[in-house]
Amino acid sequence: MIKTLTKHGDSLALILDKPILELLNIDEDTPISVITDGRTLTLSPEFDLKRNEKLTRIRTKINKKYETTFNKLAD
């Protein structure tokens, strides 16, 4: 998807379409992480660290419990 920047006062703004916001569960109160390597710009919603840690623990537990099944499915 190609987007263009919109003039907003002395700055430029990137308008995100509603379907993208809904897909990422972003609203006007969601903090957005902005990262650049000097050539690219990455925007991502900043999620709750505790929630991410909990999801990682759950994913690890499920992977361990069903490792054999997952390996069979992968073959």
PDB file of N, CA and C in Angstrom:
ATOM      1  N   MET A   1       0.854  -1.166   0.000  1.00  0.00           N
ATOM      2  CA  MET A   1       0.000   0.000   0.000  1.00  0.00           C
ATOM      3  C   MET A   1       0.903   1.232   0.000  1.00  0.00           C
ATOM      4  N   ILE A   2       0.620   2.134  -0.872  1.00  0.00           N
ATOM      5  CA  ILE A   2       1.360   3.391  -0.953  1.00  0.00           C
ATOM      6  C   ILE A   2       0.498   4.493  -0.340  1.00  0.00           C
ATOM      7  N   LYS A   3       1.068   5.255   0.569  1.00  0.00           N
ATOM      8  CA  LYS A   3       0.366   6.370   1.217  1.00  0.00           C
ATOM      9  C   LYS A   3       1.167   7.648   0.967  1.00  0.00           C
ATOM     10  N   THR A   4       0.494   8.775   0.987  1.00  0.00           N
ATOM     11  CA  THR A   4       1.179  10.061   0.891  1.00  0.00           C
ATOM     12  C   THR A   4       0.978  10.816   2.198  1.00  0.00           C
ATOM     13  N   LEU A   5       1.918  11.681   2.498  1.00  0.00           N
ATOM     14  CA  LEU A   5       1.838  12.479   3.713  1.00  0.00           C
ATOM     15  C   LEU A   5       0.936  13.684   3.470  1.00  0.00           C
ATOM     16  N   THR A   6       0.269  14.136   4.521  1.00  0.00           N
ATOM     17  CA  THR A   6      -0.643  15.264   4.469  1.00  0.00           C
ATOM     18  C   THR A   6      -0.089  16.387   5.313  1.00  0.00           C
ATOM     19  N   LYS A   7      -0.136  17.599   4.805  1.00  0.00           N
ATOM     20  CA  LYS A   7       0.332  18.771   5.557  1.00  0.00           C
ATOM     21  C   LYS A   7      -0.571  18.959   6.775  1.00  0.00           C
ATOM     22  N   HIS A   8       0.053  19.150   7.946  1.00  0.00           N
ATOM     23  CA  HIS A   8      -0.675  19.358   9.196  1.00  0.00           C
ATOM     24  C   HIS A   8       0.080  20.433   9.981  1.00  0.00           C
ATOM     25  N   GLY A   9      -0.309  21.685   9.807  1.00  0.00           N
ATOM     26  CA  GLY A   9       0.443  22.789  10.411  1.00  0.00           C
ATOM     27  C   GLY A   9       1.813  22.872   9.777  1.00  0.00           C
ATOM     28  N   ASP A  10       2.865  22.910  10.614  1.00  0.00           N
ATOM     29  CA  ASP A  10       4.238  22.929  10.109  1.00  0.00           C
ATOM     30  C   ASP A  10       4.805  21.517   9.967  1.00  0.00           C
ATOM     31  N   SER A  11       3.972  20.512  10.172  1.00  0.00           N
ATOM     32  CA  SER A  11       4.416  19.119  10.129  1.00  0.00           C
ATOM     33  C   SER A  11       3.724  18.373   9.003  1.00  0.00           C
ATOM     34  N   LEU A  12       4.068  17.112   8.865  1.00  0.00           N
ATOM     35  CA  LEU A  12       3.399  16.212   7.928  1.00  0.00           C
ATOM     36  C   LEU A  12       2.775  15.077   8.725  1.00  0.00           C
ATOM     37  N   ALA A  13       1.622  14.599   8.257  1.00  0.00           N
ATOM     38  CA  ALA A  13       0.910  13.532   8.952  1.00  0.00           C
ATOM     39  C   ALA A  13       0.669  12.368   8.002  1.00  0.00           C
ATOM     40  N   LEU A  14       0.659  11.180   8.542  1.00  0.00           N
ATOM     41  CA  LEU A  14       0.317   9.982   7.790  1.00  0.00           C
ATOM     42  C   LEU A  14      -1.080   9.566   8.229  1.00  0.00           C
ATOM     43  N   ILE A  15      -2.013   9.550   7.311  1.00  0.00           N
ATOM     44  CA  ILE A  15      -3.395   9.181   7.628  1.00  0.00           C
ATOM     45  C   ILE A  15      -3.527   7.670   7.474  1.00  0.00           C
ATOM     46  N   LEU A  16      -3.954   7.007   8.529  1.00  0.00           N
ATOM     47  CA  LEU A  16      -4.153   5.556   8.502  1.00  0.00           C
ATOM     48  C   LEU A  16      -5.637   5.261   8.332  1.00  0.00           C
ATOM     49  N   ASP A  17      -5.953   4.412   7.369  1.00  0.00           N
ATOM     50  CA  ASP A  17      -7.339   4.065   7.093  1.00  0.00           C
ATOM     51  C   ASP A  17      -7.946   3.246   8.227  1.00  0.00           C
ATOM     52  N   LYS A  18      -9.247   3.389   8.401  1.00  0.00           N
ATOM     53  CA  LYS A  18      -9.960   2.722   9.483  1.00  0.00           C
ATOM     54  C   LYS A  18      -9.749   1.205   9.494  1.00  0.00           C
ATOM     55  N   PRO A  19      -9.778   0.502   8.350  1.00  0.00           N
ATOM     56  CA  PRO A  19      -9.551  -0.948   8.392  1.00  0.00           C
ATOM     57  C   PRO A  19      -8.183  -1.333   8.964  1.00  0.00           C
ATOM     58  N   ILE A  20      -7.164  -0.513   8.689  1.00  0.00           N
ATOM     59  CA  ILE A  20      -5.835  -0.793   9.246  1.00  0.00           C
ATOM     60  C   ILE A  20      -5.854  -0.592  10.757  1.00  0.00           C
ATOM     61  N   LEU A  21      -6.471   0.481  11.204  1.00  0.00           N
ATOM     62  CA  LEU A  21      -6.563   0.754  12.644  1.00  0.00           C
ATOM     63  C   LEU A  21      -7.316  -0.367  13.360  1.00  0.00           C
ATOM     64  N   GLU A  22      -8.400  -0.833  12.761  1.00  0.00           N
ATOM     65  CA  GLU A  22      -9.181  -1.914  13.373  1.00  0.00           C
ATOM     66  C   GLU A  22      -8.387  -3.215  13.406  1.00  0.00           C
ATOM     67  N   LEU A  23      -7.660  -3.502  12.324  1.00  0.00           N
ATOM     68  CA  LEU A  23      -6.857  -4.716  12.262  1.00  0.00           C
ATOM     69  C   LEU A  23      -5.812  -4.758  13.370  1.00  0.00           C
ATOM     70  N   LEU A  24      -5.201  -3.607  13.634  1.00  0.00           N
ATOM     71  CA  LEU A  24      -4.145  -3.519  14.646  1.00  0.00           C
ATOM     72  C   LEU A  24      -4.668  -3.155  16.025  1.00  0.00           C
ATOM     73  N   ASN A  25      -5.995  -2.961  16.124  1.00  0.00           N
ATOM     74  CA  ASN A  25      -6.618  -2.589  17.396  1.00  0.00           C
ATOM     75  C   ASN A  25      -6.005  -1.295  17.939  1.00  0.00           C
ATOM     76  N   ILE A  26      -5.928  -0.298  17.059  1.00  0.00           N
ATOM     77  CA  ILE A  26      -5.362   1.007  17.402  1.00  0.00           C
ATOM     78  C   ILE A  26      -6.474   2.039  17.442  1.00  0.00           C
ATOM     79  N   ASP A  27      -6.424   2.911  18.441  1.00  0.00           N
ATOM     80  CA  ASP A  27      -7.322   4.068  18.465  1.00  0.00           C
ATOM     81  C   ASP A  27      -6.497   5.295  18.840  1.00  0.00           C
ATOM     82  N   GLU A  28      -7.169   6.427  19.045  1.00  0.00           N
ATOM     83  CA  GLU A  28      -6.427   7.675  19.308  1.00  0.00           C
ATOM     84  C   GLU A  28      -5.656   7.658  20.622  1.00  0.00           C
ATOM     85  N   ASP A  29      -5.938   6.703  21.505  1.00  0.00           N
ATOM     86  CA  ASP A  29      -5.244   6.627  22.791  1.00  0.00           C
ATOM     87  C   ASP A  29      -4.093   5.616  22.793  1.00  0.00           C
ATOM     88  N   THR A  30      -3.904   4.884  21.695  1.00  0.00           N
ATOM     89  CA  THR A  30      -2.866   3.858  21.629  1.00  0.00           C
ATOM     90  C   THR A  30      -1.500   4.498  21.412  1.00  0.00           C
ATOM     91  N   PRO A  31      -0.539   4.239  22.302  1.00  0.00           N
ATOM     92  CA  PRO A  31       0.820   4.740  22.064  1.00  0.00           C
ATOM     93  C   PRO A  31       1.428   4.023  20.859  1.00  0.00           C
ATOM     94  N   ILE A  32       2.118   4.758  20.006  1.00  0.00           N
ATOM     95  CA  ILE A  32       2.721   4.196  18.808  1.00  0.00           C
ATOM     96  C   ILE A  32       4.237   4.296  18.920  1.00  0.00           C
ATOM     97  N   SER A  33       4.906   3.162  18.704  1.00  0.00           N
ATOM     98  CA  SER A  33       6.363   3.126  18.691  1.00  0.00           C
ATOM     99  C   SER A  33       6.834   3.495  17.288  1.00  0.00           C
ATOM    100  N   VAL A  34       7.766   4.463  17.195  1.00  0.00           N
ATOM    101  CA  VAL A  34       8.321   4.895  15.913  1.00  0.00           C
ATOM    102  C   VAL A  34       9.809   4.561  15.930  1.00  0.00           C
ATOM    103  N   ILE A  35      10.225   3.718  14.977  1.00  0.00           N
ATOM    104  CA  ILE A  35      11.621   3.273  14.909  1.00  0.00           C
ATOM    105  C   ILE A  35      12.141   3.532  13.498  1.00  0.00           C
ATOM    106  N   THR A  36      13.381   3.982  13.396  1.00  0.00           N
ATOM    107  CA  THR A  36      14.008   4.158  12.088  1.00  0.00           C
ATOM    108  C   THR A  36      15.448   3.672  12.134  1.00  0.00           C
ATOM    109  N   ASP A  37      15.905   3.185  10.992  1.00  0.00           N
ATOM    110  CA  ASP A  37      17.315   2.817  10.858  1.00  0.00           C
ATOM    111  C   ASP A  37      18.035   3.813   9.942  1.00  0.00           C
ATOM    112  N   GLY A  38      17.366   4.920   9.653  1.00  0.00           N
ATOM    113  CA  GLY A  38      17.933   5.924   8.775  1.00  0.00           C
ATOM    114  C   GLY A  38      17.450   5.815   7.340  1.00  0.00           C
ATOM    115  N   ARG A  39      16.871   4.674   6.985  1.00  0.00           N
ATOM    116  CA  ARG A  39      16.348   4.466   5.629  1.00  0.00           C
ATOM    117  C   ARG A  39      14.875   4.092   5.642  1.00  0.00           C
ATOM    118  N   THR A  40      14.454   3.389   6.676  1.00  0.00           N
ATOM    119  CA  THR A  40      13.062   2.951   6.764  1.00  0.00           C
ATOM    120  C   THR A  40      12.439   3.457   8.049  1.00  0.00           C
ATOM    121  N   LEU A  41      11.138   3.529   8.049  1.00  0.00           N
ATOM    122  CA  LEU A  41      10.377   3.974   9.207  1.00  0.00           C
ATOM    123  C   LEU A  41       9.402   2.862   9.574  1.00  0.00           C
ATOM    124  N   THR A  42       9.408   2.441  10.824  1.00  0.00           N
ATOM    125  CA  THR A  42       8.506   1.396  11.286  1.00  0.00           C
ATOM    126  C   THR A  42       7.619   1.959  12.383  1.00  0.00           C
ATOM    127  N   LEU A  43       6.324   1.823  12.206  1.00  0.00           N
ATOM    128  CA  LEU A  43       5.345   2.240  13.207  1.00  0.00           C
ATOM    129  C   LEU A  43       4.670   0.987  13.746  1.00  0.00           C
ATOM    130  N   SER A  44       4.539   0.890  15.053  1.00  0.00           N
ATOM    131  CA  SER A  44       3.830  -0.252  15.624  1.00  0.00           C
ATOM    132  C   SER A  44       3.172   0.161  16.935  1.00  0.00           C
ATOM    133  N   PRO A  45       1.998  -0.422  17.205  1.00  0.00           N
ATOM    134  CA  PRO A  45       1.347  -0.112  18.473  1.00  0.00           C
ATOM    135  C   PRO A  45       2.203  -0.619  19.628  1.00  0.00           C
ATOM    136  N   GLU A  46       2.305   0.169  20.663  1.00  0.00           N
ATOM    137  CA  GLU A  46       3.087  -0.202  21.846  1.00  0.00           C
ATOM    138  C   GLU A  46       2.168  -0.988  22.772  1.00  0.00           C
ATOM    139  N   PHE A  47       2.482  -2.266  22.949  1.00  0.00           N
ATOM    140  CA  PHE A  47       1.636  -3.127  23.755  1.00  0.00           C
ATOM    141  C   PHE A  47       2.129  -3.202  25.186  1.00  0.00           C
ATOM    142  N   ASP A  48       1.263  -3.593  26.049  1.00  0.00           N
ATOM    143  CA  ASP A  48       1.559  -3.764  27.459  1.00  0.00           C
ATOM    144  C   ASP A  48       2.598  -4.871  27.634  1.00  0.00           C
ATOM    145  N   LEU A  49       3.722  -4.566  28.261  1.00  0.00           N
ATOM    146  CA  LEU A  49       4.801  -5.521  28.451  1.00  0.00           C
ATOM    147  C   LEU A  49       4.340  -6.748  29.221  1.00  0.00           C
ATOM    148  N   LYS A  50       3.534  -6.563  30.266  1.00  0.00           N
ATOM    149  CA  LYS A  50       3.044  -7.704  31.048  1.00  0.00           C
ATOM    150  C   LYS A  50       2.207  -8.640  30.181  1.00  0.00           C
ATOM    151  N   ARG A  51       1.394  -8.052  29.287  1.00  0.00           N
ATOM    152  CA  ARG A  51       0.567  -8.869  28.398  1.00  0.00           C
ATOM    153  C   ARG A  51       1.454  -9.681  27.454  1.00  0.00           C
ATOM    154  N   ASN A  52       2.489  -9.053  26.908  1.00  0.00           N
ATOM    155  CA  ASN A  52       3.407  -9.766  26.016  1.00  0.00           C
ATOM    156  C   ASN A  52       4.128 -10.890  26.741  1.00  0.00           C
ATOM    157  N   GLU A  53       4.556 -10.647  27.972  1.00  0.00           N
ATOM    158  CA  GLU A  53       5.233 -11.683  28.749  1.00  0.00           C
ATOM    159  C   GLU A  53       4.293 -12.851  29.025  1.00  0.00           C
ATOM    160  N   LYS A  54       3.034 -12.547  29.339  1.00  0.00           N
ATOM    161  CA  LYS A  54       2.051 -13.599  29.600  1.00  0.00           C
ATOM    162  C   LYS A  54       1.823 -14.434  28.336  1.00  0.00           C
ATOM    163  N   LEU A  55       1.697 -13.772  27.186  1.00  0.00           N
ATOM    164  CA  LEU A  55       1.502 -14.501  25.930  1.00  0.00           C
ATOM    165  C   LEU A  55       2.705 -15.383  25.615  1.00  0.00           C
ATOM    166  N   THR A  56       3.903 -14.905  25.897  1.00  0.00           N
ATOM    167  CA  THR A  56       5.109 -15.697  25.663  1.00  0.00           C
ATOM    168  C   THR A  56       5.121 -16.932  26.543  1.00  0.00           C
ATOM    169  N   ARG A  57       4.751 -16.771  27.823  1.00  0.00           N
ATOM    170  CA  ARG A  57       4.692 -17.926  28.735  1.00  0.00           C
ATOM    171  C   ARG A  57       3.667 -18.949  28.252  1.00  0.00           C
ATOM    172  N   ILE A  58       2.498 -18.475  27.830  1.00  0.00           N
ATOM    173  CA  ILE A  58       1.449 -19.377  27.358  1.00  0.00           C
ATOM    174  C   ILE A  58       1.901 -20.108  26.097  1.00  0.00           C
ATOM    175  N   ARG A  59       2.504 -19.364  25.162  1.00  0.00           N
ATOM    176  CA  ARG A  59       2.972 -19.971  23.911  1.00  0.00           C
ATOM    177  C   ARG A  59       4.038 -21.029  24.198  1.00  0.00           C
ATOM    178  N   THR A  60       4.955 -20.749  25.125  1.00  0.00           N
ATOM    179  CA  THR A  60       6.001 -21.709  25.482  1.00  0.00           C
ATOM    180  C   THR A  60       5.393 -22.966  26.086  1.00  0.00           C
ATOM    181  N   LYS A  61       4.420 -22.790  26.961  1.00  0.00           N
ATOM    182  CA  LYS A  61       3.757 -23.927  27.603  1.00  0.00           C
ATOM    183  C   LYS A  61       3.035 -24.802  26.569  1.00  0.00           C
ATOM    184  N   ILE A  62       2.325 -24.174  25.653  1.00  0.00           N
ATOM    185  CA  ILE A  62       1.599 -24.919  24.612  1.00  0.00           C
ATOM    186  C   ILE A  62       2.579 -25.644  23.700  1.00  0.00           C
ATOM    187  N   ASN A  63       3.652 -24.958  23.294  1.00  0.00           N
ATOM    188  CA  ASN A  63       4.648 -25.595  22.428  1.00  0.00           C
ATOM    189  C   ASN A  63       5.272 -26.805  23.094  1.00  0.00           C
ATOM    190  N   LYS A  64       5.556 -26.720  24.376  1.00  0.00           N
ATOM    191  CA  LYS A  64       6.148 -27.842  25.105  1.00  0.00           C
ATOM    192  C   LYS A  64       5.150 -28.996  25.213  1.00  0.00           C
ATOM    193  N   LYS A  65       3.908 -28.678  25.551  1.00  0.00           N
ATOM    194  CA  LYS A  65       2.880 -29.706  25.758  1.00  0.00           C
ATOM    195  C   LYS A  65       2.566 -30.448  24.460  1.00  0.00           C
ATOM    196  N   TYR A  66       2.528 -29.725  23.333  1.00  0.00           N
ATOM    197  CA  TYR A  66       2.109 -30.321  22.072  1.00  0.00           C
ATOM    198  C   TYR A  66       3.250 -30.425  21.064  1.00  0.00           C
ATOM    199  N   GLU A  67       4.478 -30.465  21.549  1.00  0.00           N
ATOM    200  CA  GLU A  67       5.639 -30.486  20.663  1.00  0.00           C
ATOM    201  C   GLU A  67       5.589 -31.644  19.672  1.00  0.00           C
ATOM    202  N   THR A  68       5.264 -32.849  20.152  1.00  0.00           N
ATOM    203  CA  THR A  68       5.207 -34.025  19.282  1.00  0.00           C
ATOM    204  C   THR A  68       4.156 -33.839  18.190  1.00  0.00           C
ATOM    205  N   THR A  69       3.004 -33.366  18.567  1.00  0.00           N
ATOM    206  CA  THR A  69       1.928 -33.139  17.601  1.00  0.00           C
ATOM    207  C   THR A  69       2.324 -32.095  16.569  1.00  0.00           C
ATOM    208  N   PHE A  70       2.909 -31.005  17.018  1.00  0.00           N
ATOM    209  CA  PHE A  70       3.335 -29.947  16.099  1.00  0.00           C
ATOM    210  C   PHE A  70       4.384 -30.473  15.120  1.00  0.00           C
ATOM    211  N   ASN A  71       5.307 -31.308  15.611  1.00  0.00           N
ATOM    212  CA  ASN A  71       6.332 -31.873  14.741  1.00  0.00           C
ATOM    213  C   ASN A  71       5.724 -32.790  13.690  1.00  0.00           C
ATOM    214  N   LYS A  72       4.731 -33.594  14.080  1.00  0.00           N
ATOM    215  CA  LYS A  72       4.049 -34.459  13.131  1.00  0.00           C
ATOM    216  C   LYS A  72       3.319 -33.640  12.077  1.00  0.00           C
ATOM    217  N   LEU A  73       2.680 -32.569  12.502  1.00  0.00           N
ATOM    218  CA  LEU A  73       1.964 -31.706  11.560  1.00  0.00           C
ATOM    219  C   LEU A  73       2.930 -31.040  10.588  1.00  0.00           C
ATOM    220  N   ALA A  74       4.122 -30.720  11.066  1.00  0.00           N
ATOM    221  CA  ALA A  74       5.104 -30.057  10.211  1.00  0.00           C
ATOM    222  C   ALA A  74       5.656 -30.991   9.141  1.00  0.00           C
ATOM    223  N   ASP A  75       5.649 -32.293   9.430  1.00  0.00           N
ATOM    224  CA  ASP A  75       6.160 -33.281   8.448  1.00  0.00           C
ATOM    225  C   ASP A  75       5.147 -33.517   7.415  1.00  0.00           C
TER     226      ASP A  75
END
